[in-house]
Each structure stands twice: as C-alpha cells, then as structure tokens.
Amino acid sequence: MDTSDAVLVNKARNGDHDAFGELYDKFAALVRTICQDSEYDPLAAQDLSQEVFIRAYTKLDKLSDDAKFGPWLCSIARNVGREYRRSKARDRHVAFGTDSPEIEERTDSNADNFATMNAAMAKLSEQERMALHVHYLQERKSENEKVHEIMDMSRSSYYRLLEKAKENLSTIIEKEENGNENDNA
C-alpha cells in the first residue's frame, strides 16, 4: 500500500511507529546516499543516516507541511553531513589517513566502474548529485510519486537540473577515460 508522506507523517506524529517505519523504508537509501556524499567512510555514513532519522523523528512536530517530509528530511541529511565534516575538521586528535577503516580491494570491473562513478559524482555540484540520487533512488519506487518535490523544485526545473547533471557526469567520465588512455599510451 503506497500511502502519501503527509498521511504517514501525521500517523507517526500521533505515535504510530509503523508509519515512521514506512517513511524510513521509503527514504533510507536516499538519506544513506546523501550521508555517503558527506563522508566516504561507509560505516560513518551509516551512523550519520541513523542520526538523520533520529533527528527527524524527534523534531517531527516542527515540520510545518507534512507533504514536504522528503525535502525536509534531505535538508536534515545535508546538515548532519556538514556538521560531521566541521566537527571532523576541528578534531585535532584524528590522524590523517587513519580515520577510516580499510575497505577490501576488489579487482572486478564492477568495482572499477563504481570507483569511477563515485569519483565523477564527487565533482558535480551538491544540487546535481542530489538530483541524480533522487532520480535513481526514489523515482523507481513509485511511478506516481512527484520526485521533484523532494528537491523542492518545479517539475521542469528538476528535469532541467537532472539533464544538466547527467550531461556533466558524462563529460567528467569521458575526460577521465580519455586521460587514462593518454596515460597508458
């Protein structure tokens, strides 16, 4: 059953934990991806995601328009990421290069493609990355959902931004591939 965000928020505000669980299920991948943009350590990104949902749940009464839960949650995720980066920058006890766990190296082509895509995505603006995340992580879940509302944009502005992001991403990847070919020659 696909219930609107506004209905789920209202139920959650009235103590229905299952309704908030549905909101979590609906937005968890997007929030995790936004947090991953802030911190490339997957374990830290997971912790940040949990922090986002805890803040959202505890501040649900501050949401003025229940239908705008998606954009509100995304702004919380971006703020949590910014706070984390600032606190990490201030933490003088963290030794450079030792603050994230080593991730096992994989040599398959999917891992290479994933690394290339992540590096290219990091070069996009925050808004372009967000448009791509929203498109690929949210739009597929429900054909009827108005994903542009998560970005708090008009439909046409969202799709213009999405096209620009795709073009920029393609250009960045193309340059990376051409640069690697020149290095190997």
N, C-alpha and C. Protein backbone atom coordinates (compact mmCIF):
# COMPACT_ATOMS: atom_id res chain seq x y z
N MET A 1 0.85 -1.19 0.00
CA MET A 1 0.00 0.00 0.00
C MET A 1 0.89 1.24 0.00
N ASP A 2 0.70 2.08 -0.98
CA ASP A 2 1.51 3.28 -1.10
C ASP A 2 0.75 4.47 -0.51
N THR A 3 1.12 4.85 0.70
CA THR A 3 0.46 5.94 1.41
C THR A 3 1.28 7.20 1.24
N SER A 4 0.62 8.33 1.14
CA SER A 4 1.33 9.60 0.96
C SER A 4 2.17 9.94 2.18
N ASP A 5 3.21 10.72 1.94
CA ASP A 5 4.08 11.15 3.03
C ASP A 5 3.30 11.89 4.11
N ALA A 6 2.38 12.75 3.69
CA ALA A 6 1.61 13.55 4.65
C ALA A 6 0.82 12.66 5.60
N VAL A 7 0.20 11.62 5.08
CA VAL A 7 -0.59 10.71 5.91
C VAL A 7 0.34 9.97 6.88
N LEU A 8 1.48 9.49 6.36
CA LEU A 8 2.43 8.76 7.21
C LEU A 8 3.00 9.66 8.31
N VAL A 9 3.31 10.90 7.96
CA VAL A 9 3.85 11.84 8.95
C VAL A 9 2.82 12.09 10.04
N ASN A 10 1.59 12.30 9.63
CA ASN A 10 0.52 12.56 10.60
C ASN A 10 0.35 11.37 11.54
N LYS A 11 0.38 10.15 10.98
CA LYS A 11 0.26 8.96 11.82
C LYS A 11 1.46 8.83 12.76
N ALA A 12 2.65 9.08 12.24
CA ALA A 12 3.87 8.99 13.07
C ALA A 12 3.84 10.01 14.19
N ARG A 13 3.36 11.19 13.87
CA ARG A 13 3.27 12.26 14.87
C ARG A 13 2.32 11.86 16.00
N ASN A 14 1.34 11.02 15.66
CA ASN A 14 0.37 10.56 16.65
C ASN A 14 0.77 9.24 17.30
N GLY A 15 2.05 8.87 17.15
CA GLY A 15 2.57 7.71 17.86
C GLY A 15 2.61 6.40 17.08
N ASP A 16 2.26 6.41 15.81
CA ASP A 16 2.29 5.18 15.00
C ASP A 16 3.72 4.92 14.51
N HIS A 17 4.41 4.01 15.19
CA HIS A 17 5.80 3.71 14.85
C HIS A 17 5.92 3.03 13.50
N ASP A 18 4.91 2.26 13.11
CA ASP A 18 4.94 1.60 11.81
C ASP A 18 4.90 2.62 10.67
N ALA A 19 4.18 3.70 10.88
CA ALA A 19 4.11 4.75 9.85
C ALA A 19 5.49 5.38 9.66
N PHE A 20 6.19 5.64 10.76
CA PHE A 20 7.54 6.19 10.62
C PHE A 20 8.47 5.15 9.99
N GLY A 21 8.23 3.89 10.28
CA GLY A 21 8.99 2.81 9.65
C GLY A 21 8.81 2.82 8.14
N GLU A 22 7.59 3.09 7.69
CA GLU A 22 7.34 3.19 6.24
C GLU A 22 8.09 4.38 5.64
N LEU A 23 8.12 5.49 6.35
CA LEU A 23 8.88 6.64 5.87
C LEU A 23 10.37 6.30 5.81
N TYR A 24 10.84 5.59 6.82
CA TYR A 24 12.24 5.16 6.83
C TYR A 24 12.52 4.29 5.61
N ASP A 25 11.68 3.30 5.38
CA ASP A 25 11.89 2.40 4.24
C ASP A 25 11.88 3.16 2.92
N LYS A 26 11.03 4.15 2.85
CA LYS A 26 10.89 4.92 1.61
C LYS A 26 12.11 5.80 1.33
N PHE A 27 12.72 6.36 2.38
CA PHE A 27 13.79 7.34 2.18
C PHE A 27 15.18 6.89 2.63
N ALA A 28 15.30 5.69 3.18
CA ALA A 28 16.59 5.25 3.75
C ALA A 28 17.72 5.26 2.73
N ALA A 29 17.48 4.75 1.54
CA ALA A 29 18.55 4.69 0.53
C ALA A 29 19.00 6.09 0.13
N LEU A 30 18.06 7.00 -0.02
CA LEU A 30 18.41 8.37 -0.39
C LEU A 30 19.20 9.05 0.72
N VAL A 31 18.76 8.92 1.96
CA VAL A 31 19.45 9.53 3.09
C VAL A 31 20.86 8.95 3.22
N ARG A 32 20.98 7.63 3.10
CA ARG A 32 22.29 7.00 3.18
C ARG A 32 23.23 7.52 2.09
N THR A 33 22.69 7.73 0.89
CA THR A 33 23.50 8.25 -0.21
C THR A 33 23.92 9.69 0.03
N ILE A 34 23.05 10.51 0.58
CA ILE A 34 23.40 11.88 0.92
C ILE A 34 24.50 11.88 1.98
N CYS A 35 24.36 11.01 2.96
CA CYS A 35 25.38 10.90 4.01
C CYS A 35 26.69 10.37 3.44
N GLN A 36 26.60 9.47 2.48
CA GLN A 36 27.80 8.94 1.83
C GLN A 36 28.53 10.06 1.08
N ASP A 37 27.78 11.02 0.53
CA ASP A 37 28.39 12.19 -0.11
C ASP A 37 29.19 13.01 0.89
N SER A 38 28.72 13.03 2.13
CA SER A 38 29.39 13.82 3.17
C SER A 38 30.60 13.11 3.74
N GLU A 39 30.53 11.80 3.82
CA GLU A 39 31.60 11.04 4.45
C GLU A 39 31.78 9.74 3.67
N TYR A 40 32.93 9.58 3.06
CA TYR A 40 33.15 8.43 2.18
C TYR A 40 33.41 7.14 2.95
N ASP A 41 33.44 7.20 4.25
CA ASP A 41 33.56 6.02 5.09
C ASP A 41 32.15 5.42 5.23
N PRO A 42 31.91 4.23 4.68
CA PRO A 42 30.56 3.66 4.71
C PRO A 42 30.01 3.47 6.13
N LEU A 43 30.87 3.14 7.08
CA LEU A 43 30.39 2.96 8.45
C LEU A 43 29.96 4.28 9.06
N ALA A 44 30.72 5.33 8.81
CA ALA A 44 30.34 6.66 9.32
C ALA A 44 29.07 7.13 8.64
N ALA A 45 28.94 6.87 7.34
CA ALA A 45 27.73 7.27 6.61
C ALA A 45 26.51 6.56 7.18
N GLN A 46 26.66 5.31 7.57
CA GLN A 46 25.57 4.57 8.19
C GLN A 46 25.17 5.22 9.52
N ASP A 47 26.16 5.59 10.32
CA ASP A 47 25.87 6.27 11.58
C ASP A 47 25.19 7.61 11.35
N LEU A 48 25.65 8.34 10.35
CA LEU A 48 25.05 9.63 10.03
C LEU A 48 23.60 9.46 9.59
N SER A 49 23.33 8.42 8.83
CA SER A 49 21.96 8.14 8.39
C SER A 49 21.04 7.91 9.58
N GLN A 50 21.53 7.14 10.55
CA GLN A 50 20.73 6.90 11.74
C GLN A 50 20.47 8.20 12.50
N GLU A 51 21.49 9.05 12.57
CA GLU A 51 21.34 10.35 13.23
C GLU A 51 20.26 11.18 12.53
N VAL A 52 20.23 11.13 11.21
CA VAL A 52 19.23 11.89 10.44
C VAL A 52 17.82 11.44 10.83
N PHE A 53 17.59 10.13 10.86
CA PHE A 53 16.25 9.64 11.18
C PHE A 53 15.88 9.87 12.64
N ILE A 54 16.84 9.84 13.52
CA ILE A 54 16.56 10.14 14.93
C ILE A 54 16.15 11.61 15.05
N ARG A 55 16.89 12.49 14.39
CA ARG A 55 16.53 13.92 14.45
C ARG A 55 15.16 14.16 13.83
N ALA A 56 14.90 13.52 12.70
CA ALA A 56 13.61 13.71 12.04
C ALA A 56 12.48 13.26 12.96
N TYR A 57 12.64 12.12 13.59
CA TYR A 57 11.59 11.59 14.45
C TYR A 57 11.36 12.51 15.65
N THR A 58 12.44 12.97 16.25
CA THR A 58 12.28 13.80 17.45
C THR A 58 11.79 15.21 17.13
N LYS A 59 11.98 15.66 15.90
CA LYS A 59 11.56 17.01 15.52
C LYS A 59 10.38 17.01 14.56
N LEU A 60 9.67 15.90 14.50
CA LEU A 60 8.54 15.78 13.59
C LEU A 60 7.50 16.87 13.81
N ASP A 61 7.34 17.31 15.04
CA ASP A 61 6.36 18.37 15.33
C ASP A 61 6.76 19.72 14.72
N LYS A 62 8.02 19.89 14.36
CA LYS A 62 8.48 21.15 13.79
C LYS A 62 8.25 21.22 12.28
N LEU A 63 7.90 20.10 11.65
CA LEU A 63 7.62 20.06 10.22
C LEU A 63 6.29 20.77 9.98
N SER A 64 6.33 21.87 9.24
CA SER A 64 5.12 22.68 9.06
C SER A 64 4.19 22.14 7.97
N ASP A 65 4.74 21.49 6.95
CA ASP A 65 3.93 20.95 5.86
C ASP A 65 4.25 19.47 5.74
N ASP A 66 3.33 18.63 6.18
CA ASP A 66 3.56 17.19 6.21
C ASP A 66 3.90 16.62 4.83
N ALA A 67 3.39 17.24 3.78
CA ALA A 67 3.65 16.76 2.42
C ALA A 67 5.09 17.02 1.99
N LYS A 68 5.79 17.88 2.72
CA LYS A 68 7.18 18.22 2.37
C LYS A 68 8.18 17.43 3.22
N PHE A 69 7.79 16.27 3.68
CA PHE A 69 8.68 15.45 4.51
C PHE A 69 9.97 15.12 3.77
N GLY A 70 9.88 14.75 2.50
CA GLY A 70 11.07 14.38 1.72
C GLY A 70 12.12 15.48 1.67
N PRO A 71 11.74 16.69 1.21
CA PRO A 71 12.73 17.77 1.19
C PRO A 71 13.26 18.12 2.57
N TRP A 72 12.39 18.08 3.57
CA TRP A 72 12.80 18.37 4.95
C TRP A 72 13.82 17.35 5.43
N LEU A 73 13.57 16.08 5.18
CA LEU A 73 14.48 15.02 5.58
C LEU A 73 15.83 15.16 4.86
N CYS A 74 15.79 15.49 3.57
CA CYS A 74 17.04 15.67 2.81
C CYS A 74 17.84 16.85 3.35
N SER A 75 17.16 17.90 3.77
CA SER A 75 17.89 19.05 4.33
C SER A 75 18.51 18.66 5.68
N ILE A 76 17.83 17.84 6.45
CA ILE A 76 18.42 17.36 7.71
C ILE A 76 19.66 16.53 7.39
N ALA A 77 19.57 15.67 6.37
CA ALA A 77 20.72 14.83 6.00
C ALA A 77 21.91 15.68 5.57
N ARG A 78 21.65 16.71 4.77
CA ARG A 78 22.76 17.59 4.35
C ARG A 78 23.35 18.32 5.55
N ASN A 79 22.51 18.78 6.46
CA ASN A 79 23.00 19.48 7.66
C ASN A 79 23.81 18.56 8.56
N VAL A 80 23.35 17.34 8.74
CA VAL A 80 24.09 16.38 9.56
C VAL A 80 25.46 16.12 8.94
N GLY A 81 25.50 15.98 7.62
CA GLY A 81 26.77 15.78 6.92
C GLY A 81 27.71 16.96 7.09
N ARG A 82 27.17 18.16 6.96
CA ARG A 82 28.01 19.37 7.15
C ARG A 82 28.54 19.45 8.58
N GLU A 83 27.68 19.19 9.55
CA GLU A 83 28.11 19.22 10.95
C GLU A 83 29.21 18.20 11.20
N TYR A 84 29.06 17.03 10.60
CA TYR A 84 30.07 15.98 10.78
C TYR A 84 31.41 16.41 10.19
N ARG A 85 31.37 16.96 8.98
CA ARG A 85 32.63 17.41 8.34
C ARG A 85 33.29 18.51 9.15
N ARG A 86 32.48 19.44 9.68
CA ARG A 86 33.05 20.52 10.51
C ARG A 86 33.65 19.98 11.79
N SER A 87 32.95 19.07 12.45
CA SER A 87 33.48 18.53 13.70
C SER A 87 34.72 17.69 13.44
N LYS A 88 34.74 17.00 12.33
CA LYS A 88 35.90 16.18 11.98
C LYS A 88 37.10 17.09 11.67
N ALA A 89 36.84 18.22 11.03
CA ALA A 89 37.93 19.16 10.72
C ALA A 89 38.48 19.79 11.99
N ARG A 90 37.60 20.00 12.99
CA ARG A 90 38.05 20.60 14.25
C ARG A 90 38.76 19.60 15.15
N ASP A 91 38.49 18.33 14.95
CA ASP A 91 39.07 17.30 15.81
C ASP A 91 40.55 17.14 15.48
N ARG A 92 41.37 17.65 16.31
CA ARG A 92 42.82 17.64 16.06
C ARG A 92 43.46 16.32 16.47
N HIS A 93 42.67 15.45 17.07
CA HIS A 93 43.21 14.17 17.51
C HIS A 93 43.17 13.11 16.41
N VAL A 94 42.47 13.41 15.32
CA VAL A 94 42.37 12.45 14.23
C VAL A 94 43.62 12.52 13.38
N ALA A 95 44.29 11.43 13.22
CA ALA A 95 45.49 11.38 12.38
C ALA A 95 45.07 11.22 10.93
N PHE A 96 45.66 12.01 10.05
CA PHE A 96 45.31 11.92 8.63
C PHE A 96 45.62 10.55 8.09
N GLY A 97 44.68 10.03 7.32
CA GLY A 97 44.88 8.74 6.68
C GLY A 97 44.55 7.55 7.56
N THR A 98 44.21 7.78 8.81
CA THR A 98 43.92 6.64 9.69
C THR A 98 42.51 6.70 10.28
N ASP A 99 41.71 7.64 9.84
CA ASP A 99 40.41 7.79 10.47
C ASP A 99 39.31 6.96 9.82
N SER A 100 39.57 6.26 8.74
CA SER A 100 38.54 5.40 8.16
C SER A 100 39.09 4.00 7.98
N PRO A 101 38.24 3.02 8.20
CA PRO A 101 38.72 1.65 8.10
C PRO A 101 39.08 1.30 6.66
N GLU A 102 40.02 0.41 6.53
CA GLU A 102 40.41 -0.05 5.20
C GLU A 102 39.29 -0.89 4.62
N ILE A 103 38.98 -0.66 3.38
CA ILE A 103 37.97 -1.44 2.69
C ILE A 103 38.69 -2.40 1.76
N GLU A 104 38.28 -3.63 1.80
CA GLU A 104 38.94 -4.65 0.99
C GLU A 104 38.92 -4.26 -0.48
N GLU A 105 40.07 -4.34 -1.11
CA GLU A 105 40.18 -4.01 -2.53
C GLU A 105 39.54 -5.11 -3.37
N ARG A 106 38.74 -4.71 -4.33
CA ARG A 106 38.17 -5.67 -5.27
C ARG A 106 38.73 -5.34 -6.64
N THR A 107 38.96 -6.34 -7.43
CA THR A 107 39.58 -6.11 -8.73
C THR A 107 38.63 -6.31 -9.89
N ASP A 108 37.37 -6.62 -9.61
CA ASP A 108 36.45 -6.84 -10.72
C ASP A 108 36.06 -5.52 -11.38
N SER A 109 35.55 -5.61 -12.58
CA SER A 109 35.23 -4.40 -13.35
C SER A 109 34.10 -3.60 -12.71
N ASN A 110 33.17 -4.25 -12.00
CA ASN A 110 32.10 -3.51 -11.32
C ASN A 110 32.67 -2.58 -10.26
N ALA A 111 33.66 -3.05 -9.53
CA ALA A 111 34.30 -2.21 -8.50
C ALA A 111 35.00 -1.03 -9.16
N ASP A 112 35.66 -1.27 -10.29
CA ASP A 112 36.32 -0.18 -11.02
C ASP A 112 35.30 0.84 -11.52
N ASN A 113 34.21 0.33 -12.06
CA ASN A 113 33.15 1.22 -12.56
C ASN A 113 32.54 2.03 -11.42
N PHE A 114 32.34 1.37 -10.28
CA PHE A 114 31.79 2.05 -9.10
C PHE A 114 32.73 3.16 -8.63
N ALA A 115 34.02 2.86 -8.59
CA ALA A 115 35.01 3.86 -8.16
C ALA A 115 35.04 5.04 -9.12
N THR A 116 34.99 4.75 -10.41
CA THR A 116 34.98 5.80 -11.43
C THR A 116 33.74 6.68 -11.28
N MET A 117 32.59 6.02 -11.09
CA MET A 117 31.33 6.76 -10.94
C MET A 117 31.36 7.62 -9.67
N ASN A 118 31.85 7.08 -8.57
CA ASN A 118 31.94 7.85 -7.32
C ASN A 118 32.84 9.06 -7.47
N ALA A 119 33.98 8.87 -8.12
CA ALA A 119 34.91 9.98 -8.32
C ALA A 119 34.28 11.05 -9.20
N ALA A 120 33.57 10.63 -10.23
CA ALA A 120 32.91 11.59 -11.12
C ALA A 120 31.78 12.31 -10.40
N MET A 121 30.99 11.58 -9.61
CA MET A 121 29.89 12.19 -8.87
C MET A 121 30.40 13.24 -7.89
N ALA A 122 31.56 12.99 -7.30
CA ALA A 122 32.12 13.93 -6.33
C ALA A 122 32.46 15.26 -6.97
N LYS A 123 32.65 15.29 -8.29
CA LYS A 123 32.99 16.52 -9.00
C LYS A 123 31.77 17.34 -9.39
N LEU A 124 30.58 16.78 -9.24
CA LEU A 124 29.35 17.51 -9.53
C LEU A 124 29.00 18.41 -8.36
N SER A 125 28.16 19.39 -8.62
CA SER A 125 27.68 20.24 -7.53
C SER A 125 26.77 19.43 -6.62
N GLU A 126 26.57 19.89 -5.40
CA GLU A 126 25.72 19.18 -4.45
C GLU A 126 24.31 19.03 -5.01
N GLN A 127 23.81 20.05 -5.66
CA GLN A 127 22.45 20.01 -6.20
C GLN A 127 22.34 19.01 -7.35
N GLU A 128 23.37 18.93 -8.20
CA GLU A 128 23.36 17.95 -9.29
C GLU A 128 23.42 16.53 -8.74
N ARG A 129 24.28 16.30 -7.75
CA ARG A 129 24.35 14.97 -7.13
C ARG A 129 23.00 14.59 -6.53
N MET A 130 22.39 15.54 -5.86
CA MET A 130 21.10 15.30 -5.22
C MET A 130 20.04 14.93 -6.26
N ALA A 131 20.02 15.64 -7.38
CA ALA A 131 19.05 15.35 -8.44
C ALA A 131 19.22 13.92 -8.96
N LEU A 132 20.47 13.51 -9.15
CA LEU A 132 20.73 12.15 -9.60
C LEU A 132 20.32 11.12 -8.55
N HIS A 133 20.65 11.39 -7.30
CA HIS A 133 20.26 10.46 -6.22
C HIS A 133 18.74 10.33 -6.15
N VAL A 134 18.06 11.45 -6.17
CA VAL A 134 16.61 11.43 -6.08
C VAL A 134 16.03 10.66 -7.27
N HIS A 135 16.54 10.92 -8.45
CA HIS A 135 16.02 10.26 -9.65
C HIS A 135 16.21 8.75 -9.59
N TYR A 136 17.41 8.32 -9.29
CA TYR A 136 17.70 6.89 -9.35
C TYR A 136 17.31 6.12 -8.10
N LEU A 137 17.20 6.79 -6.97
CA LEU A 137 16.87 6.08 -5.74
C LEU A 137 15.40 6.20 -5.36
N GLN A 138 14.72 7.25 -5.80
CA GLN A 138 13.34 7.44 -5.39
C GLN A 138 12.35 7.21 -6.53
N GLU A 139 12.66 7.66 -7.73
CA GLU A 139 11.68 7.61 -8.81
C GLU A 139 11.27 6.18 -9.14
N ARG A 140 12.16 5.25 -9.03
CA ARG A 140 11.88 3.86 -9.38
C ARG A 140 10.91 3.20 -8.39
N LYS A 141 10.80 3.74 -7.20
CA LYS A 141 9.95 3.12 -6.19
C LYS A 141 8.47 3.33 -6.48
N SER A 142 8.13 4.45 -7.05
CA SER A 142 6.73 4.74 -7.30
C SER A 142 6.61 5.61 -8.54
N GLU A 143 5.94 5.09 -9.54
CA GLU A 143 5.77 5.83 -10.79
C GLU A 143 4.99 7.13 -10.55
N ASN A 144 4.10 7.12 -9.58
CA ASN A 144 3.22 8.27 -9.36
C ASN A 144 3.82 9.34 -8.47
N GLU A 145 4.88 9.01 -7.78
CA GLU A 145 5.47 9.97 -6.84
C GLU A 145 6.07 11.16 -7.58
N LYS A 146 5.91 12.30 -7.04
CA LYS A 146 6.46 13.51 -7.64
C LYS A 146 7.83 13.77 -7.03
N VAL A 147 8.86 13.16 -7.64
CA VAL A 147 10.19 13.23 -7.05
C VAL A 147 10.75 14.64 -7.05
N HIS A 148 10.31 15.48 -7.96
CA HIS A 148 10.81 16.86 -7.98
C HIS A 148 10.46 17.59 -6.68
N GLU A 149 9.42 17.14 -6.00
CA GLU A 149 9.03 17.77 -4.74
C GLU A 149 10.06 17.52 -3.65
N ILE A 150 10.78 16.39 -3.73
CA ILE A 150 11.82 16.11 -2.75
C ILE A 150 12.92 17.16 -2.85
N MET A 151 13.15 17.64 -4.07
CA MET A 151 14.14 18.69 -4.30
C MET A 151 13.56 20.08 -4.04
N ASP A 152 12.26 20.14 -3.78
CA ASP A 152 11.56 21.39 -3.55
C ASP A 152 11.70 22.30 -4.78
N MET A 153 11.46 21.70 -5.96
CA MET A 153 11.60 22.40 -7.24
C MET A 153 10.36 22.12 -8.08
N SER A 154 10.16 22.96 -9.08
CA SER A 154 9.11 22.67 -10.04
C SER A 154 9.55 21.47 -10.87
N ARG A 155 8.60 20.80 -11.48
CA ARG A 155 8.91 19.62 -12.29
C ARG A 155 9.90 19.96 -13.41
N SER A 156 9.65 21.07 -14.12
CA SER A 156 10.53 21.43 -15.24
C SER A 156 11.94 21.80 -14.76
N SER A 157 12.04 22.51 -13.65
CA SER A 157 13.36 22.87 -13.11
C SER A 157 14.13 21.62 -12.69
N TYR A 158 13.42 20.70 -12.07
CA TYR A 158 14.05 19.45 -11.63
C TYR A 158 14.60 18.68 -12.83
N TYR A 159 13.79 18.53 -13.88
CA TYR A 159 14.24 17.76 -15.03
C TYR A 159 15.35 18.48 -15.81
N ARG A 160 15.34 19.81 -15.82
CA ARG A 160 16.47 20.54 -16.42
C ARG A 160 17.75 20.29 -15.64
N LEU A 161 17.65 20.36 -14.31
CA LEU A 161 18.81 20.09 -13.46
C LEU A 161 19.29 18.65 -13.64
N LEU A 162 18.36 17.72 -13.72
CA LEU A 162 18.71 16.32 -13.90
C LEU A 162 19.45 16.11 -15.23
N GLU A 163 18.96 16.71 -16.28
CA GLU A 163 19.63 16.58 -17.59
C GLU A 163 21.02 17.20 -17.55
N LYS A 164 21.13 18.36 -16.92
CA LYS A 164 22.44 19.02 -16.78
C LYS A 164 23.40 18.13 -15.99
N ALA A 165 22.90 17.53 -14.92
CA ALA A 165 23.73 16.65 -14.09
C ALA A 165 24.20 15.44 -14.89
N LYS A 166 23.30 14.85 -15.68
CA LYS A 166 23.67 13.69 -16.50
C LYS A 166 24.72 14.08 -17.53
N GLU A 167 24.53 15.23 -18.17
CA GLU A 167 25.50 15.70 -19.17
C GLU A 167 26.86 15.96 -18.53
N ASN A 168 26.86 16.64 -17.39
CA ASN A 168 28.12 16.92 -16.69
C ASN A 168 28.81 15.64 -16.24
N LEU A 169 28.03 14.70 -15.74
CA LEU A 169 28.60 13.43 -15.31
C LEU A 169 29.22 12.69 -16.49
N SER A 170 28.52 12.68 -17.59
CA SER A 170 29.03 12.03 -18.80
C SER A 170 30.32 12.68 -19.27
N THR A 171 30.37 14.00 -19.25
CA THR A 171 31.57 14.73 -19.66
C THR A 171 32.74 14.43 -18.74
N ILE A 172 32.49 14.41 -17.45
CA ILE A 172 33.55 14.12 -16.47
C ILE A 172 34.10 12.71 -16.69
N ILE A 173 33.20 11.75 -16.86
CA ILE A 173 33.65 10.36 -17.06
C ILE A 173 34.43 10.24 -18.36
N GLU A 174 33.95 10.90 -19.40
CA GLU A 174 34.64 10.87 -20.69
C GLU A 174 36.06 11.44 -20.56
N LYS A 175 36.19 12.56 -19.86
CA LYS A 175 37.51 13.16 -19.65
C LYS A 175 38.41 12.23 -18.87
N GLU A 176 37.85 11.58 -17.83
CA GLU A 176 38.63 10.64 -17.02
C GLU A 176 39.13 9.48 -17.88
N GLU A 177 38.25 8.93 -18.72
CA GLU A 177 38.63 7.80 -19.56
C GLU A 177 39.67 8.21 -20.59
N ASN A 178 39.50 9.39 -21.18
CA ASN A 178 40.48 9.87 -22.16
C ASN A 178 41.82 10.16 -21.50
N GLY A 179 41.77 10.67 -20.29
CA GLY A 179 43.00 10.95 -19.54
C GLY A 179 43.74 9.67 -19.22
N ASN A 180 42.98 8.61 -18.86
CA ASN A 180 43.60 7.32 -18.57
C ASN A 180 44.18 6.67 -19.80
N GLU A 181 43.53 6.87 -20.96
CA GLU A 181 44.06 6.31 -22.20
C GLU A 181 45.37 6.99 -22.57
N ASN A 182 45.43 8.30 -22.36
CA ASN A 182 46.65 9.05 -22.67
C ASN A 182 47.79 8.65 -21.73
N ASP A 183 47.44 8.33 -20.48
CA ASP A 183 48.45 7.91 -19.52
C ASP A 183 49.04 6.55 -19.89
N ASN A 184 48.21 5.69 -20.48
CA ASN A 184 48.65 4.34 -20.83
C ASN A 184 49.39 4.29 -22.15
N ALA A 185 49.30 5.35 -22.95
CA ALA A 185 49.93 5.34 -24.27
C ALA A 185 51.42 5.58 -24.21
